Amino acid sequence: DYYAVGWFRQAPGKEREGVACISSSGSTTNYEDSA
């Protein structure tokens, strides 16, 4: 209820990138374009 949580990924040789996240209220989600 007090923290947004995100999923990130890192492929070999690449920088870590955001994939998806959900707000602390649970009402908002965001996705990286390929996801």
Full PDB file with SEQRES, HELIX, SHEET, SSBOND, CRYST1, ORIGX, SCALE, CONECT and MASTER records, all heavy atoms in Angstrom:
SEQRES   1 A   35  ASP TYR TYR ALA VAL GLY TRP PHE ARG GLN ALA PRO GLY          
SEQRES   2 A   35  LYS GLU ARG GLU GLY VAL ALA CYS ILE SER SER SER GLY          
SEQRES   3 A   35  SER THR THR ASN TYR GLU ASP SER ALA                          
SHEET    1 AA1 3 VAL A   5  ARG A   9  0                                        
SHEET    2 AA1 3 GLU A  17  ILE A  22 -1                                        
SHEET    3 AA1 3 THR A  29  TYR A  31 -1                                        
CRYST1    1.000    1.000    1.000  90.00  90.00  90.00 P 1           1          
ORIGX1      1.000000  0.000000  0.000000        0.00000                         
ORIGX2      0.000000  1.000000  0.000000        0.00000                         
ORIGX3      0.000000  0.000000  1.000000        0.00000                         
SCALE1      1.000000  0.000000  0.000000        0.00000                         
SCALE2      0.000000  1.000000  0.000000        0.00000                         
SCALE3      0.000000  0.000000  1.000000        0.00000                         
ATOM      1  N   ASP A   1       0.818  -1.211   0.000  1.00  0.00           N  
ATOM      2  CA  ASP A   1       0.000   0.000   0.000  1.00  0.00           C  
ATOM      3  C   ASP A   1       0.854   1.265   0.000  1.00  0.00           C  
ATOM      4  O   ASP A   1       0.345   2.360  -0.274  1.00  0.00           O  
ATOM      5  CB  ASP A   1      -0.905   0.027   1.236  1.00  0.00           C  
ATOM      6  CG  ASP A   1      -2.050  -0.959   1.114  1.00  0.00           C  
ATOM      7  OD1 ASP A   1      -2.478  -1.230  -0.018  1.00  0.00           O  
ATOM      8  OD2 ASP A   1      -2.513  -1.449   2.165  1.00  0.00           O  
ATOM      9  N   TYR A   2       2.133   1.138   0.323  1.00  0.00           N  
ATOM     10  CA  TYR A   2       2.986   2.323   0.461  1.00  0.00           C  
ATOM     11  C   TYR A   2       4.141   2.365  -0.519  1.00  0.00           C  
ATOM     12  O   TYR A   2       4.917   3.318  -0.531  1.00  0.00           O  
ATOM     13  CB  TYR A   2       3.525   2.395   1.889  1.00  0.00           C  
ATOM     14  CG  TYR A   2       2.429   2.502   2.924  1.00  0.00           C  
ATOM     15  CD1 TYR A   2       2.058   1.404   3.687  1.00  0.00           C  
ATOM     16  CD2 TYR A   2       1.742   3.695   3.112  1.00  0.00           C  
ATOM     17  CE1 TYR A   2       1.037   1.501   4.618  1.00  0.00           C  
ATOM     18  CE2 TYR A   2       0.726   3.789   4.045  1.00  0.00           C  
ATOM     19  CZ  TYR A   2       0.379   2.687   4.793  1.00  0.00           C  
ATOM     20  OH  TYR A   2      -0.635   2.785   5.718  1.00  0.00           O  
ATOM     21  N   TYR A   3       4.276   1.347  -1.352  1.00  0.00           N  
ATOM     22  CA  TYR A   3       5.395   1.295  -2.292  1.00  0.00           C  
ATOM     23  C   TYR A   3       4.891   0.928  -3.680  1.00  0.00           C  
ATOM     24  O   TYR A   3       4.127  -0.031  -3.824  1.00  0.00           O  
ATOM     25  CB  TYR A   3       6.414   0.238  -1.866  1.00  0.00           C  
ATOM     26  CG  TYR A   3       7.216   0.582  -0.635  1.00  0.00           C  
ATOM     27  CD1 TYR A   3       6.654   0.487   0.628  1.00  0.00           C  
ATOM     28  CD2 TYR A   3       8.538   0.991  -0.740  1.00  0.00           C  
ATOM     29  CE1 TYR A   3       7.389   0.797   1.754  1.00  0.00           C  
ATOM     30  CE2 TYR A   3       9.283   1.301   0.381  1.00  0.00           C  
ATOM     31  CZ  TYR A   3       8.699   1.194   1.623  1.00  0.00           C  
ATOM     32  OH  TYR A   3       9.429   1.500   2.742  1.00  0.00           O  
ATOM     33  N   ALA A   4       5.329   1.655  -4.662  1.00  0.00           N  
ATOM     34  CA  ALA A   4       5.173   1.182  -6.033  1.00  0.00           C  
ATOM     35  C   ALA A   4       6.175   0.041  -6.244  1.00  0.00           C  
ATOM     36  O   ALA A   4       7.241   0.014  -5.628  1.00  0.00           O  
ATOM     37  CB  ALA A   4       5.453   2.317  -7.021  1.00  0.00           C  
ATOM     38  N   VAL A   5       5.825  -0.882  -7.102  1.00  0.00           N  
ATOM     39  CA  VAL A   5       6.722  -1.999  -7.404  1.00  0.00           C  
ATOM     40  C   VAL A   5       6.910  -2.096  -8.905  1.00  0.00           C  
ATOM     41  O   VAL A   5       5.960  -1.969  -9.674  1.00  0.00           O  
ATOM     42  CB  VAL A   5       6.163  -3.326  -6.854  1.00  0.00           C  
ATOM     43  CG1 VAL A   5       7.027  -4.503  -7.310  1.00  0.00           C  
ATOM     44  CG2 VAL A   5       6.118  -3.281  -5.326  1.00  0.00           C  
ATOM     45  N   GLY A   6       8.126  -2.300  -9.293  1.00  0.00           N  
ATOM     46  CA  GLY A   6       8.435  -2.424 -10.706  1.00  0.00           C  
ATOM     47  C   GLY A   6       9.155  -3.726 -11.011  1.00  0.00           C  
ATOM     48  O   GLY A   6       9.821  -4.300 -10.146  1.00  0.00           O  
ATOM     49  N   TRP A   7       9.002  -4.175 -12.222  1.00  0.00           N  
ATOM     50  CA  TRP A   7       9.788  -5.280 -12.762  1.00  0.00           C  
ATOM     51  C   TRP A   7      10.776  -4.691 -13.768  1.00  0.00           C  
ATOM     52  O   TRP A   7      10.387  -3.910 -14.644  1.00  0.00           O  
ATOM     53  CB  TRP A   7       8.902  -6.304 -13.464  1.00  0.00           C  
ATOM     54  CG  TRP A   7       8.169  -7.212 -12.538  1.00  0.00           C  
ATOM     55  CD1 TRP A   7       6.878  -7.087 -12.116  1.00  0.00           C  
ATOM     56  CD2 TRP A   7       8.672  -8.393 -11.922  1.00  0.00           C  
ATOM     57  NE1 TRP A   7       6.555  -8.118 -11.268  1.00  0.00           N  
ATOM     58  CE2 TRP A   7       7.636  -8.943 -11.136  1.00  0.00           C  
ATOM     59  CE3 TRP A   7       9.894  -9.065 -11.957  1.00  0.00           C  
ATOM     60  CZ2 TRP A   7       7.784 -10.116 -10.395  1.00  0.00           C  
ATOM     61  CZ3 TRP A   7      10.043 -10.228 -11.221  1.00  0.00           C  
ATOM     62  CH2 TRP A   7       9.008 -10.741 -10.447  1.00  0.00           C  
ATOM     63  N   PHE A   8      12.010  -5.092 -13.624  1.00  0.00           N  
ATOM     64  CA  PHE A   8      13.080  -4.659 -14.518  1.00  0.00           C  
ATOM     65  C   PHE A   8      13.768  -5.910 -15.063  1.00  0.00           C  
ATOM     66  O   PHE A   8      13.644  -6.993 -14.507  1.00  0.00           O  
ATOM     67  CB  PHE A   8      14.096  -3.799 -13.758  1.00  0.00           C  
ATOM     68  CG  PHE A   8      13.528  -2.512 -13.229  1.00  0.00           C  
ATOM     69  CD1 PHE A   8      12.778  -2.487 -12.068  1.00  0.00           C  
ATOM     70  CD2 PHE A   8      13.743  -1.323 -13.903  1.00  0.00           C  
ATOM     71  CE1 PHE A   8      12.237  -1.292 -11.582  1.00  0.00           C  
ATOM     72  CE2 PHE A   8      13.224  -0.128 -13.429  1.00  0.00           C  
ATOM     73  CZ  PHE A   8      12.467  -0.119 -12.268  1.00  0.00           C  
ATOM     74  N   ARG A   9      14.514  -5.736 -16.136  1.00  0.00           N  
ATOM     75  CA  ARG A   9      15.261  -6.877 -16.668  1.00  0.00           C  
ATOM     76  C   ARG A   9      16.596  -6.398 -17.214  1.00  0.00           C  
ATOM     77  O   ARG A   9      16.756  -5.247 -17.617  1.00  0.00           O  
ATOM     78  CB  ARG A   9      14.473  -7.589 -17.762  1.00  0.00           C  
ATOM     79  CG  ARG A   9      14.255  -6.771 -19.027  1.00  0.00           C  
ATOM     80  CD  ARG A   9      13.357  -7.530 -20.002  1.00  0.00           C  
ATOM     81  NE  ARG A   9      13.098  -6.758 -21.213  1.00  0.00           N  
ATOM     82  CZ  ARG A   9      12.239  -7.129 -22.148  1.00  0.00           C  
ATOM     83  NH1 ARG A   9      11.541  -8.253 -22.006  1.00  0.00           N  
ATOM     84  NH2 ARG A   9      12.067  -6.377 -23.219  1.00  0.00           N  
ATOM     85  N   GLN A  10      17.542  -7.327 -17.197  1.00  0.00           N  
ATOM     86  CA  GLN A  10      18.855  -7.039 -17.755  1.00  0.00           C  
ATOM     87  C   GLN A  10      19.326  -8.229 -18.562  1.00  0.00           C  
ATOM     88  O   GLN A  10      19.508  -9.321 -18.031  1.00  0.00           O  
ATOM     89  CB  GLN A  10      19.864  -6.710 -16.662  1.00  0.00           C  
ATOM     90  CG  GLN A  10      21.196  -6.212 -17.207  1.00  0.00           C  
ATOM     91  CD  GLN A  10      22.067  -5.590 -16.141  1.00  0.00           C  
ATOM     92  OE1 GLN A  10      21.918  -5.858 -14.948  1.00  0.00           O  
ATOM     93  NE2 GLN A  10      22.987  -4.738 -16.563  1.00  0.00           N  
ATOM     94  N   ALA A  11      19.494  -7.980 -19.853  1.00  0.00           N  
ATOM     95  CA  ALA A  11      20.002  -8.999 -20.754  1.00  0.00           C  
ATOM     96  C   ALA A  11      21.526  -8.904 -20.804  1.00  0.00           C  
ATOM     97  O   ALA A  11      22.096  -7.835 -20.519  1.00  0.00           O  
ATOM     98  CB  ALA A  11      19.412  -8.807 -22.144  1.00  0.00           C  
ATOM     99  N   PRO A  12      22.212  -9.986 -21.171  1.00  0.00           N  
ATOM    100  CA  PRO A  12      23.681  -9.950 -21.239  1.00  0.00           C  
ATOM    101  C   PRO A  12      24.169  -8.834 -22.146  1.00  0.00           C  
ATOM    102  O   PRO A  12      23.685  -8.678 -23.272  1.00  0.00           O  
ATOM    103  CB  PRO A  12      24.023 -11.322 -21.813  1.00  0.00           C  
ATOM    104  CG  PRO A  12      22.893 -12.195 -21.433  1.00  0.00           C  
ATOM    105  CD  PRO A  12      21.675 -11.321 -21.477  1.00  0.00           C  
ATOM    106  N   GLY A  13      25.081  -8.027 -21.631  1.00  0.00           N  
ATOM    107  CA  GLY A  13      25.659  -6.960 -22.429  1.00  0.00           C  
ATOM    108  C   GLY A  13      24.797  -5.726 -22.593  1.00  0.00           C  
ATOM    109  O   GLY A  13      25.165  -4.805 -23.328  1.00  0.00           O  
ATOM    110  N   LYS A  14      23.648  -5.710 -21.924  1.00  0.00           N  
ATOM    111  CA  LYS A  14      22.742  -4.572 -22.048  1.00  0.00           C  
ATOM    112  C   LYS A  14      22.486  -3.940 -20.690  1.00  0.00           C  
ATOM    113  O   LYS A  14      22.680  -4.567 -19.654  1.00  0.00           O  
ATOM    114  CB  LYS A  14      21.419  -5.007 -22.686  1.00  0.00           C  
ATOM    115  CG  LYS A  14      21.555  -5.475 -24.118  1.00  0.00           C  
ATOM    116  CD  LYS A  14      20.194  -5.712 -24.746  1.00  0.00           C  
ATOM    117  CE  LYS A  14      20.322  -6.119 -26.202  1.00  0.00           C  
ATOM    118  NZ  LYS A  14      18.990  -6.334 -26.830  1.00  0.00           N  
ATOM    119  N   GLU A  15      22.018  -2.707 -20.721  1.00  0.00           N  
ATOM    120  CA  GLU A  15      21.662  -2.033 -19.486  1.00  0.00           C  
ATOM    121  C   GLU A  15      20.333  -2.564 -18.958  1.00  0.00           C  
ATOM    122  O   GLU A  15      19.485  -3.032 -19.709  1.00  0.00           O  
ATOM    123  CB  GLU A  15      21.556  -0.523 -19.728  1.00  0.00           C  
ATOM    124  CG  GLU A  15      22.893   0.129 -20.062  1.00  0.00           C  
ATOM    125  CD  GLU A  15      22.794   1.643 -20.129  1.00  0.00           C  
ATOM    126  OE1 GLU A  15      21.676   2.170 -20.027  1.00  0.00           O  
ATOM    127  OE2 GLU A  15      23.849   2.290 -20.288  1.00  0.00           O  
ATOM    128  N   ARG A  16      20.173  -2.438 -17.659  1.00  0.00           N  
ATOM    129  CA  ARG A  16      18.910  -2.831 -17.049  1.00  0.00           C  
ATOM    130  C   ARG A  16      17.821  -1.853 -17.489  1.00  0.00           C  
ATOM    131  O   ARG A  16      18.061  -0.642 -17.555  1.00  0.00           O  
ATOM    132  CB  ARG A  16      19.052  -2.836 -15.533  1.00  0.00           C  
ATOM    133  CG  ARG A  16      17.868  -3.413 -14.793  1.00  0.00           C  
ATOM    134  CD  ARG A  16      18.230  -3.629 -13.325  1.00  0.00           C  
ATOM    135  NE  ARG A  16      18.660  -2.407 -12.672  1.00  0.00           N  
ATOM    136  CZ  ARG A  16      19.235  -2.372 -11.480  1.00  0.00           C  
ATOM    137  NH1 ARG A  16      19.462  -3.498 -10.815  1.00  0.00           N  
ATOM    138  NH2 ARG A  16      19.587  -1.217 -10.945  1.00  0.00           N  
ATOM    139  N   GLU A  17      16.644  -2.391 -17.776  1.00  0.00           N  
ATOM    140  CA  GLU A  17      15.543  -1.560 -18.248  1.00  0.00           C  
ATOM    141  C   GLU A  17      14.263  -1.911 -17.512  1.00  0.00           C  
ATOM    142  O   GLU A  17      14.072  -3.038 -17.055  1.00  0.00           O  
ATOM    143  CB  GLU A  17      15.326  -1.763 -19.754  1.00  0.00           C  
ATOM    144  CG  GLU A  17      14.931  -3.164 -20.145  1.00  0.00           C  
ATOM    145  CD  GLU A  17      14.644  -3.312 -21.635  1.00  0.00           C  
ATOM    146  OE1 GLU A  17      14.678  -2.303 -22.356  1.00  0.00           O  
ATOM    147  OE2 GLU A  17      14.362  -4.447 -22.049  1.00  0.00           O  
ATOM    148  N   GLY A  18      13.383  -0.930 -17.417  1.00  0.00           N  
ATOM    149  CA  GLY A  18      12.086  -1.170 -16.816  1.00  0.00           C  
ATOM    150  C   GLY A  18      11.186  -1.935 -17.762  1.00  0.00           C  
ATOM    151  O   GLY A  18      11.228  -1.731 -18.986  1.00  0.00           O  
ATOM    152  N   VAL A  19      10.366  -2.812 -17.219  1.00  0.00           N  
ATOM    153  CA  VAL A  19       9.444  -3.620 -18.015  1.00  0.00           C  
ATOM    154  C   VAL A  19       8.001  -3.268 -17.689  1.00  0.00           C  
ATOM    155  O   VAL A  19       7.193  -3.017 -18.584  1.00  0.00           O  
ATOM    156  CB  VAL A  19       9.689  -5.118 -17.752  1.00  0.00           C  
ATOM    157  CG1 VAL A  19       8.664  -5.957 -18.502  1.00  0.00           C  
ATOM    158  CG2 VAL A  19      11.098  -5.509 -18.157  1.00  0.00           C  
ATOM    159  N   ALA A  20       7.675  -3.260 -16.393  1.00  0.00           N  
ATOM    160  CA  ALA A  20       6.313  -2.969 -15.954  1.00  0.00           C  
ATOM    161  C   ALA A  20       6.367  -2.466 -14.523  1.00  0.00           C  
ATOM    162  O   ALA A  20       7.276  -2.813 -13.772  1.00  0.00           O  
ATOM    163  CB  ALA A  20       5.431  -4.213 -16.036  1.00  0.00           C  
ATOM    164  N   CYS A  21       5.395  -1.652 -14.164  1.00  0.00           N  
ATOM    165  CA  CYS A  21       5.324  -1.185 -12.772  1.00  0.00           C  
ATOM    166  C   CYS A  21       3.867  -0.998 -12.388  1.00  0.00           C  
ATOM    167  O   CYS A  21       2.985  -0.843 -13.249  1.00  0.00           O  
ATOM    168  CB  CYS A  21       6.115   0.097 -12.551  1.00  0.00           C  
ATOM    169  SG  CYS A  21       5.549   1.544 -13.468  1.00  0.00           S  
ATOM    170  N   ILE A  22       3.634  -1.022 -11.069  1.00  0.00           N  
ATOM    171  CA  ILE A  22       2.293  -0.831 -10.537  1.00  0.00           C  
ATOM    172  C   ILE A  22       2.397   0.138  -9.366  1.00  0.00           C  
ATOM    173  O   ILE A  22       3.310   0.031  -8.538  1.00  0.00           O  
ATOM    174  CB  ILE A  22       1.651  -2.175 -10.135  1.00  0.00           C  
ATOM    175  CG1 ILE A  22       0.194  -1.992  -9.723  1.00  0.00           C  
ATOM    176  CG2 ILE A  22       2.453  -2.891  -9.066  1.00  0.00           C  
ATOM    177  CD1 ILE A  22      -0.582  -3.307  -9.675  1.00  0.00           C  
ATOM    178  N   SER A  23       1.469   1.071  -9.304  1.00  0.00           N  
ATOM    179  CA  SER A  23       1.525   2.099  -8.272  1.00  0.00           C  
ATOM    180  C   SER A  23       1.167   1.534  -6.895  1.00  0.00           C  
ATOM    181  O   SER A  23       0.597   0.434  -6.796  1.00  0.00           O  
ATOM    182  CB  SER A  23       0.560   3.233  -8.625  1.00  0.00           C  
ATOM    183  OG  SER A  23      -0.783   2.762  -8.624  1.00  0.00           O  
ATOM    184  N   SER A  24       1.457   2.294  -5.856  1.00  0.00           N  
ATOM    185  CA  SER A  24       1.143   1.846  -4.500  1.00  0.00           C  
ATOM    186  C   SER A  24      -0.362   1.756  -4.265  1.00  0.00           C  
ATOM    187  O   SER A  24      -0.817   0.968  -3.436  1.00  0.00           O  
ATOM    188  CB  SER A  24       1.779   2.773  -3.474  1.00  0.00           C  
ATOM    189  OG  SER A  24       1.313   4.096  -3.622  1.00  0.00           O  
ATOM    190  N   SER A  25      -1.136   2.527  -4.993  1.00  0.00           N  
ATOM    191  CA  SER A  25      -2.594   2.420  -4.879  1.00  0.00           C  
ATOM    192  C   SER A  25      -3.131   1.226  -5.651  1.00  0.00           C  
ATOM    193  O   SER A  25      -4.273   0.816  -5.463  1.00  0.00           O  
ATOM    194  CB  SER A  25      -3.261   3.696  -5.401  1.00  0.00           C  
ATOM    195  OG  SER A  25      -3.078   3.814  -6.796  1.00  0.00           O  
ATOM    196  N   GLY A  26      -2.320   0.698  -6.548  1.00  0.00           N  
ATOM    197  CA  GLY A  26      -2.762  -0.404  -7.403  1.00  0.00           C  
ATOM    198  C   GLY A  26      -3.578   0.044  -8.596  1.00  0.00           C  
ATOM    199  O   GLY A  26      -3.983  -0.777  -9.420  1.00  0.00           O  
ATOM    200  N   SER A  27      -3.818   1.350  -8.703  1.00  0.00           N  
ATOM    201  CA  SER A  27      -4.724   1.845  -9.743  1.00  0.00           C  
ATOM    202  C   SER A  27      -4.027   2.136 -11.066  1.00  0.00           C  
ATOM    203  O   SER A  27      -4.694   2.311 -12.087  1.00  0.00           O  
ATOM    204  CB  SER A  27      -5.417   3.119  -9.256  1.00  0.00           C  
ATOM    205  OG  SER A  27      -4.469   4.148  -9.029  1.00  0.00           O  
ATOM    206  N   THR A  28      -2.713   2.220 -11.047  1.00  0.00           N  
ATOM    207  CA  THR A  28      -1.969   2.597 -12.245  1.00  0.00           C  
ATOM    208  C   THR A  28      -0.905   1.555 -12.564  1.00  0.00           C  
ATOM    209  O   THR A  28      -0.177   1.109 -11.665  1.00  0.00           O  
ATOM    210  CB  THR A  28      -1.284   3.961 -12.037  1.00  0.00           C  
ATOM    211  OG1 THR A  28      -2.279   4.950 -11.779  1.00  0.00           O  
ATOM    212  CG2 THR A  28      -0.484   4.350 -13.273  1.00  0.00           C  
ATOM    213  N   THR A  29      -0.836   1.182 -13.820  1.00  0.00           N  
ATOM    214  CA  THR A  29       0.241   0.322 -14.307  1.00  0.00           C  
ATOM    215  C   THR A  29       0.865   0.969 -15.535  1.00  0.00           C  
ATOM    216  O   THR A  29       0.188   1.690 -16.283  1.00  0.00           O  
ATOM    217  CB  THR A  29      -0.271  -1.074 -14.668  1.00  0.00           C  
ATOM    218  OG1 THR A  29      -1.306  -0.961 -15.659  1.00  0.00           O  
ATOM    219  CG2 THR A  29      -0.825  -1.802 -13.455  1.00  0.00           C  
ATOM    220  N   ASN A  30       2.120   0.723 -15.729  1.00  0.00           N  
ATOM    221  CA  ASN A  30       2.826   1.195 -16.911  1.00  0.00           C  
ATOM    222  C   ASN A  30       3.667   0.061 -17.475  1.00  0.00           C  
ATOM    223  O   ASN A  30       4.143  -0.800 -16.722  1.00  0.00           O  
ATOM    224  CB  ASN A  30       3.730   2.387 -16.584  1.00  0.00           C  
ATOM    225  CG  ASN A  30       2.954   3.663 -16.365  1.00  0.00           C  
ATOM    226  OD1 ASN A  30       2.006   3.947 -17.094  1.00  0.00           O  
ATOM    227  ND2 ASN A  30       3.337   4.439 -15.372  1.00  0.00           N  
ATOM    228  N   TYR A  31       3.875   0.095 -18.784  1.00  0.00           N  
ATOM    229  CA  TYR A  31       4.638  -0.948 -19.450  1.00  0.00           C  
ATOM    230  C   TYR A  31       5.629  -0.336 -20.430  1.00  0.00           C  
ATOM    231  O   TYR A  31       5.345   0.662 -21.094  1.00  0.00           O  
ATOM    232  CB  TYR A  31       3.704  -1.897 -20.213  1.00  0.00           C  
ATOM    233  CG  TYR A  31       2.742  -2.639 -19.324  1.00  0.00           C  
ATOM    234  CD1 TYR A  31       1.493  -2.122 -19.031  1.00  0.00           C  
ATOM    235  CD2 TYR A  31       3.101  -3.868 -18.754  1.00  0.00           C  
ATOM    236  CE1 TYR A  31       0.608  -2.795 -18.210  1.00  0.00           C  
ATOM    237  CE2 TYR A  31       2.229  -4.550 -17.925  1.00  0.00           C  
ATOM    238  CZ  TYR A  31       0.985  -4.006 -17.645  1.00  0.00           C  
ATOM    239  OH  TYR A  31       0.125  -4.679 -16.828  1.00  0.00           O  
ATOM    240  N   GLU A  32       6.761  -0.972 -20.503  1.00  0.00           N  
ATOM    241  CA  GLU A  32       7.716  -0.638 -21.560  1.00  0.00           C  
ATOM    242  C   GLU A  32       7.103  -1.055 -22.897  1.00  0.00           C  
ATOM    243  O   GLU A  32       6.292  -1.996 -22.952  1.00  0.00           O  
ATOM    244  CB  GLU A  32       9.025  -1.378 -21.271  1.00  0.00           C  
ATOM    245  CG  GLU A  32      10.146  -1.152 -22.246  1.00  0.00           C  
ATOM    246  CD  GLU A  32      10.227  -2.233 -23.293  1.00  0.00           C  
ATOM    247  OE1 GLU A  32       9.703  -3.328 -23.053  1.00  0.00           O  
ATOM    248  OE2 GLU A  32      10.796  -1.962 -24.370  1.00  0.00           O  
ATOM    249  N   ASP A  33       7.445  -0.364 -23.958  1.00  0.00           N  
ATOM    250  CA  ASP A  33       6.748  -0.549 -25.232  1.00  0.00           C  
ATOM    251  C   ASP A  33       6.724  -2.010 -25.692  1.00  0.00           C  
ATOM    252  O   ASP A  33       5.686  -2.503 -26.163  1.00  0.00           O  
ATOM    253  CB  ASP A  33       7.392   0.323 -26.314  1.00  0.00           C  
ATOM    254  CG  ASP A  33       7.024   1.786 -26.179  1.00  0.00           C  
ATOM    255  OD1 ASP A  33       6.087   2.102 -25.413  1.00  0.00           O  
ATOM    256  OD2 ASP A  33       7.677   2.629 -26.811  1.00  0.00           O  
ATOM    257  N   SER A  34       7.819  -2.718 -25.577  1.00  0.00           N  
ATOM    258  CA  SER A  34       7.841  -4.094 -26.092  1.00  0.00           C  
ATOM    259  C   SER A  34       7.019  -5.041 -25.226  1.00  0.00           C  
ATOM    260  O   SER A  34       6.690  -6.148 -25.656  1.00  0.00           O  
ATOM    261  CB  SER A  34       9.282  -4.600 -26.198  1.00  0.00           C  
ATOM    262  OG  SER A  34       9.823  -4.831 -24.927  1.00  0.00           O  
ATOM    263  N   ALA A  35       6.685  -4.617 -24.012  1.00  0.00           N  
ATOM    264  CA  ALA A  35       5.897  -5.453 -23.111  1.00  0.00           C  
ATOM    265  C   ALA A  35       4.391  -5.220 -23.257  1.00  0.00           C  
ATOM    266  O   ALA A  35       3.594  -6.069 -22.829  1.00  0.00           O  
ATOM    267  CB  ALA A  35       6.308  -5.194 -21.667  1.00  0.00           C  
TER     268      ALA A  35                                                      
MASTER        0    0    0    0    3    0    0    6  267    1    0    3          
END                                                                             
